[in-house]
Amino acid sequence: MSRIMVTEMKGRLLTLKCLHCQKPKCMEACEFDAITKGEDGKVIIDLEKCTGCWECVEACPFRSIQKDEIREKAIKCDFCKGYDMPACVSSCPTDALTIVEIRGS
């Protein structure tokens, strides 16, 4: 199952990916503390803690969280955790995707 959803809107393809919100609605909705925001700004779902209640799926205003109904877990982009570079960045044929560090003001 893909962690990034592709949909069509007004005749154009659009990727629905996690925006790692300042105040994540998904994190607020999770009663099991399975969603955290790290110091690096990444919003991550801990699959060990996720119970598959889908509250985060409903809470995400960007539809970035998917239901993995086979494992009964919520999943989303995790920056291809464990790899040097996210697959979307390394496979982009036009090099339009990059990873940049955003520093707080």
N, C-alpha and C. Protein backbone atom coordinates (compact mmCIF):
# COMPACT_ATOMS: atom_id res chain seq x y z
N MET A 1 0.84 -1.18 0.00
CA MET A 1 0.00 0.00 0.00
C MET A 1 0.89 1.24 0.00
N SER A 2 0.52 2.20 -0.84
CA SER A 2 1.29 3.44 -0.97
C SER A 2 1.05 4.34 0.23
N ARG A 3 2.09 5.04 0.62
CA ARG A 3 1.98 5.99 1.72
C ARG A 3 1.71 7.40 1.20
N ILE A 4 1.67 7.55 -0.12
CA ILE A 4 1.31 8.82 -0.74
C ILE A 4 0.18 8.53 -1.71
N MET A 5 -0.89 9.28 -1.59
CA MET A 5 -2.06 9.06 -2.43
C MET A 5 -2.02 10.01 -3.63
N VAL A 6 -2.36 9.50 -4.81
CA VAL A 6 -2.46 10.32 -6.00
C VAL A 6 -3.91 10.34 -6.42
N THR A 7 -4.43 11.53 -6.67
CA THR A 7 -5.82 11.69 -7.06
C THR A 7 -5.89 12.67 -8.23
N GLU A 8 -7.03 12.74 -8.85
CA GLU A 8 -7.22 13.69 -9.94
C GLU A 8 -8.17 14.78 -9.47
N MET A 9 -7.80 16.02 -9.74
CA MET A 9 -8.64 17.14 -9.37
C MET A 9 -8.61 18.15 -10.53
N LYS A 10 -9.78 18.43 -11.07
CA LYS A 10 -9.91 19.38 -12.18
C LYS A 10 -8.99 19.00 -13.34
N GLY A 11 -8.94 17.69 -13.64
CA GLY A 11 -8.16 17.21 -14.77
C GLY A 11 -6.66 17.14 -14.57
N ARG A 12 -6.19 17.38 -13.35
CA ARG A 12 -4.75 17.33 -13.06
C ARG A 12 -4.48 16.33 -11.95
N LEU A 13 -3.33 15.67 -12.03
CA LEU A 13 -2.94 14.75 -10.97
C LEU A 13 -2.42 15.55 -9.78
N LEU A 14 -2.79 15.11 -8.61
CA LEU A 14 -2.42 15.79 -7.38
C LEU A 14 -1.99 14.75 -6.36
N THR A 15 -0.85 14.96 -5.72
CA THR A 15 -0.43 14.04 -4.66
C THR A 15 -0.92 14.57 -3.33
N LEU A 16 -1.45 13.66 -2.54
CA LEU A 16 -1.90 13.99 -1.20
C LEU A 16 -0.88 13.41 -0.24
N LYS A 17 -0.03 14.25 0.28
CA LYS A 17 1.04 13.80 1.15
C LYS A 17 1.01 14.60 2.44
N CYS A 18 1.62 14.06 3.44
CA CYS A 18 1.65 14.72 4.74
C CYS A 18 2.39 16.04 4.65
N LEU A 19 1.79 17.07 5.21
CA LEU A 19 2.41 18.40 5.23
C LEU A 19 3.12 18.68 6.55
N HIS A 20 3.10 17.71 7.45
CA HIS A 20 3.79 17.84 8.74
C HIS A 20 3.43 19.17 9.40
N CYS A 21 2.15 19.31 9.64
CA CYS A 21 1.55 20.56 10.15
C CYS A 21 2.20 21.04 11.44
N GLN A 22 2.13 22.35 11.65
CA GLN A 22 2.61 22.94 12.91
C GLN A 22 1.86 22.34 14.09
N LYS A 23 0.53 22.31 13.98
CA LYS A 23 -0.33 21.74 15.02
C LYS A 23 -1.17 20.64 14.38
N PRO A 24 -0.61 19.44 14.28
CA PRO A 24 -1.29 18.35 13.55
C PRO A 24 -2.63 17.94 14.17
N LYS A 25 -3.68 18.04 13.37
CA LYS A 25 -5.01 17.60 13.79
C LYS A 25 -5.01 16.10 14.05
N CYS A 26 -4.24 15.36 13.26
CA CYS A 26 -4.17 13.90 13.44
C CYS A 26 -3.61 13.54 14.81
N MET A 27 -2.61 14.27 15.24
CA MET A 27 -1.99 14.02 16.54
C MET A 27 -2.97 14.34 17.67
N GLU A 28 -3.73 15.43 17.51
CA GLU A 28 -4.74 15.80 18.51
C GLU A 28 -5.83 14.73 18.60
N ALA A 29 -6.17 14.13 17.46
CA ALA A 29 -7.26 13.16 17.41
C ALA A 29 -6.88 11.79 17.96
N CYS A 30 -5.59 11.48 17.99
CA CYS A 30 -5.14 10.15 18.41
C CYS A 30 -5.16 10.03 19.93
N GLU A 31 -6.05 9.17 20.41
CA GLU A 31 -6.17 8.95 21.86
C GLU A 31 -5.10 8.02 22.42
N PHE A 32 -4.31 7.41 21.53
CA PHE A 32 -3.36 6.39 21.95
C PHE A 32 -1.91 6.87 21.87
N ASP A 33 -1.71 8.19 21.65
CA ASP A 33 -0.37 8.77 21.54
C ASP A 33 0.49 8.05 20.51
N ALA A 34 -0.14 7.59 19.43
CA ALA A 34 0.59 6.89 18.38
C ALA A 34 1.20 7.86 17.37
N ILE A 35 0.78 9.12 17.42
CA ILE A 35 1.29 10.10 16.47
C ILE A 35 2.07 11.16 17.24
N THR A 36 3.30 11.38 16.81
CA THR A 36 4.15 12.36 17.47
C THR A 36 4.79 13.27 16.42
N LYS A 37 5.23 14.41 16.90
CA LYS A 37 5.96 15.36 16.06
C LYS A 37 7.33 15.52 16.66
N GLY A 38 8.35 15.15 15.91
CA GLY A 38 9.71 15.22 16.41
C GLY A 38 10.29 16.61 16.36
N GLU A 39 11.45 16.78 16.96
CA GLU A 39 12.14 18.07 16.94
C GLU A 39 12.47 18.50 15.52
N ASP A 40 12.60 17.52 14.61
CA ASP A 40 12.90 17.83 13.21
C ASP A 40 11.65 18.26 12.44
N GLY A 41 10.48 18.26 13.11
CA GLY A 41 9.25 18.69 12.48
C GLY A 41 8.46 17.58 11.81
N LYS A 42 8.99 16.39 11.76
CA LYS A 42 8.32 15.27 11.09
C LYS A 42 7.23 14.69 11.99
N VAL A 43 6.06 14.50 11.41
CA VAL A 43 4.94 13.87 12.11
C VAL A 43 4.97 12.39 11.75
N ILE A 44 5.09 11.55 12.75
CA ILE A 44 5.28 10.12 12.55
C ILE A 44 4.21 9.31 13.30
N ILE A 45 3.75 8.24 12.66
CA ILE A 45 2.82 7.31 13.30
C ILE A 45 3.61 6.12 13.81
N ASP A 46 3.49 5.82 15.09
CA ASP A 46 4.11 4.64 15.70
C ASP A 46 3.16 3.47 15.49
N LEU A 47 3.51 2.57 14.59
CA LEU A 47 2.63 1.45 14.24
C LEU A 47 2.42 0.48 15.39
N GLU A 48 3.33 0.48 16.36
CA GLU A 48 3.16 -0.38 17.54
C GLU A 48 2.02 0.14 18.41
N LYS A 49 1.85 1.45 18.47
CA LYS A 49 0.81 2.05 19.30
C LYS A 49 -0.52 2.23 18.56
N CYS A 50 -0.47 2.27 17.24
CA CYS A 50 -1.69 2.50 16.45
C CYS A 50 -2.66 1.33 16.61
N THR A 51 -3.92 1.66 16.91
CA THR A 51 -4.95 0.63 17.11
C THR A 51 -5.88 0.50 15.90
N GLY A 52 -5.68 1.34 14.89
CA GLY A 52 -6.54 1.28 13.71
C GLY A 52 -7.93 1.84 13.96
N CYS A 53 -8.03 2.84 14.83
CA CYS A 53 -9.34 3.44 15.12
C CYS A 53 -9.76 4.41 14.02
N TRP A 54 -8.80 4.85 13.20
CA TRP A 54 -9.02 5.74 12.04
C TRP A 54 -9.39 7.17 12.41
N GLU A 55 -9.30 7.56 13.68
CA GLU A 55 -9.62 8.94 14.07
C GLU A 55 -8.68 9.93 13.37
N CYS A 56 -7.42 9.55 13.21
CA CYS A 56 -6.45 10.43 12.55
C CYS A 56 -6.79 10.60 11.07
N VAL A 57 -7.28 9.54 10.44
CA VAL A 57 -7.67 9.59 9.03
C VAL A 57 -8.78 10.62 8.86
N GLU A 58 -9.75 10.59 9.74
CA GLU A 58 -10.87 11.53 9.68
C GLU A 58 -10.43 12.95 10.02
N ALA A 59 -9.45 13.10 10.89
CA ALA A 59 -9.03 14.42 11.36
C ALA A 59 -8.12 15.16 10.37
N CYS A 60 -7.41 14.44 9.53
CA CYS A 60 -6.45 15.07 8.62
C CYS A 60 -7.18 15.88 7.54
N PRO A 61 -6.97 17.20 7.53
CA PRO A 61 -7.65 18.03 6.54
C PRO A 61 -7.11 17.85 5.12
N PHE A 62 -5.97 17.18 4.98
CA PHE A 62 -5.34 17.01 3.67
C PHE A 62 -5.47 15.59 3.12
N ARG A 63 -6.21 14.74 3.84
CA ARG A 63 -6.43 13.34 3.43
C ARG A 63 -5.10 12.61 3.19
N SER A 64 -4.12 12.90 4.03
CA SER A 64 -2.77 12.36 3.86
C SER A 64 -2.55 11.02 4.54
N ILE A 65 -3.48 10.62 5.40
CA ILE A 65 -3.32 9.37 6.13
C ILE A 65 -4.23 8.33 5.50
N GLN A 66 -3.66 7.16 5.24
CA GLN A 66 -4.39 6.07 4.59
C GLN A 66 -4.74 4.99 5.60
N LYS A 67 -5.78 4.24 5.29
CA LYS A 67 -6.16 3.08 6.10
C LYS A 67 -5.50 1.84 5.50
N ASP A 68 -4.62 1.22 6.26
CA ASP A 68 -4.07 -0.08 5.86
C ASP A 68 -4.97 -1.11 6.55
N GLU A 69 -6.01 -1.51 5.85
CA GLU A 69 -7.01 -2.38 6.45
C GLU A 69 -6.52 -3.81 6.66
N ILE A 70 -5.48 -4.21 5.96
CA ILE A 70 -4.92 -5.54 6.15
C ILE A 70 -4.22 -5.62 7.51
N ARG A 71 -3.38 -4.62 7.80
CA ARG A 71 -2.67 -4.59 9.09
C ARG A 71 -3.47 -3.88 10.17
N GLU A 72 -4.58 -3.25 9.78
CA GLU A 72 -5.42 -2.47 10.70
C GLU A 72 -4.60 -1.37 11.37
N LYS A 73 -3.89 -0.62 10.55
CA LYS A 73 -3.06 0.49 11.02
C LYS A 73 -3.28 1.69 10.10
N ALA A 74 -3.05 2.87 10.63
CA ALA A 74 -3.05 4.09 9.83
C ALA A 74 -1.62 4.31 9.34
N ILE A 75 -1.48 4.65 8.07
CA ILE A 75 -0.14 4.89 7.53
C ILE A 75 -0.11 6.20 6.76
N LYS A 76 1.07 6.76 6.67
CA LYS A 76 1.29 8.00 5.92
C LYS A 76 2.76 8.07 5.54
N CYS A 77 3.11 9.09 4.80
CA CYS A 77 4.51 9.28 4.43
C CYS A 77 5.38 9.29 5.69
N ASP A 78 6.44 8.50 5.66
CA ASP A 78 7.37 8.49 6.79
C ASP A 78 8.79 8.83 6.33
N PHE A 79 8.87 9.53 5.19
CA PHE A 79 10.15 9.91 4.59
C PHE A 79 11.01 8.69 4.30
N CYS A 80 10.36 7.55 4.01
CA CYS A 80 11.06 6.30 3.73
C CYS A 80 12.09 6.01 4.83
N LYS A 81 11.57 6.04 6.05
CA LYS A 81 12.38 5.82 7.25
C LYS A 81 13.33 4.63 7.08
N GLY A 82 14.59 4.83 7.39
CA GLY A 82 15.60 3.79 7.28
C GLY A 82 16.40 3.86 5.98
N TYR A 83 15.99 4.74 5.08
CA TYR A 83 16.72 4.89 3.81
C TYR A 83 17.36 6.27 3.78
N ASP A 84 18.38 6.42 2.95
CA ASP A 84 19.10 7.69 2.85
C ASP A 84 18.24 8.80 2.25
N MET A 85 17.36 8.44 1.32
CA MET A 85 16.58 9.44 0.60
C MET A 85 15.18 8.89 0.36
N PRO A 86 14.15 9.71 0.52
CA PRO A 86 12.79 9.25 0.21
C PRO A 86 12.68 8.81 -1.25
N ALA A 87 11.92 7.77 -1.51
CA ALA A 87 11.77 7.22 -2.85
C ALA A 87 11.23 8.25 -3.84
N CYS A 88 10.31 9.09 -3.40
CA CYS A 88 9.73 10.09 -4.31
C CYS A 88 10.80 11.05 -4.80
N VAL A 89 11.75 11.41 -3.93
CA VAL A 89 12.81 12.34 -4.30
C VAL A 89 13.81 11.65 -5.22
N SER A 90 14.25 10.46 -4.85
CA SER A 90 15.27 9.78 -5.65
C SER A 90 14.75 9.31 -7.01
N SER A 91 13.44 9.12 -7.14
CA SER A 91 12.91 8.61 -8.41
C SER A 91 12.28 9.69 -9.29
N CYS A 92 12.25 10.94 -8.85
CA CYS A 92 11.64 12.01 -9.63
C CYS A 92 12.43 12.22 -10.92
N PRO A 93 11.80 12.01 -12.08
CA PRO A 93 12.53 12.08 -13.36
C PRO A 93 13.01 13.49 -13.73
N THR A 94 12.43 14.52 -13.13
CA THR A 94 12.84 15.89 -13.48
C THR A 94 13.61 16.58 -12.36
N ASP A 95 13.92 15.84 -11.30
CA ASP A 95 14.61 16.41 -10.14
C ASP A 95 13.86 17.59 -9.54
N ALA A 96 12.53 17.55 -9.63
CA ALA A 96 11.70 18.63 -9.10
C ALA A 96 11.53 18.53 -7.59
N LEU A 97 11.77 17.35 -7.02
CA LEU A 97 11.63 17.17 -5.58
C LEU A 97 12.97 17.20 -4.90
N THR A 98 13.06 17.91 -3.79
CA THR A 98 14.28 17.96 -3.00
C THR A 98 13.92 17.95 -1.53
N ILE A 99 14.89 17.65 -0.71
CA ILE A 99 14.73 17.72 0.74
C ILE A 99 15.51 18.94 1.20
N VAL A 100 14.83 19.81 1.93
CA VAL A 100 15.50 21.01 2.47
C VAL A 100 15.24 21.08 3.96
N GLU A 101 16.16 21.66 4.67
CA GLU A 101 15.99 21.86 6.10
C GLU A 101 15.38 23.24 6.32
N ILE A 102 14.31 23.27 7.08
CA ILE A 102 13.65 24.53 7.40
C ILE A 102 13.97 24.87 8.84
N ARG A 103 14.56 26.00 9.05
CA ARG A 103 14.92 26.41 10.41
C ARG A 103 13.89 27.39 10.93
N GLY A 104 13.56 27.27 12.20
CA GLY A 104 12.59 28.17 12.84
C GLY A 104 13.15 29.59 12.91
N SER A 105 12.25 30.53 13.00
CA SER A 105 12.69 31.93 13.05
C SER A 105 13.05 32.37 14.44
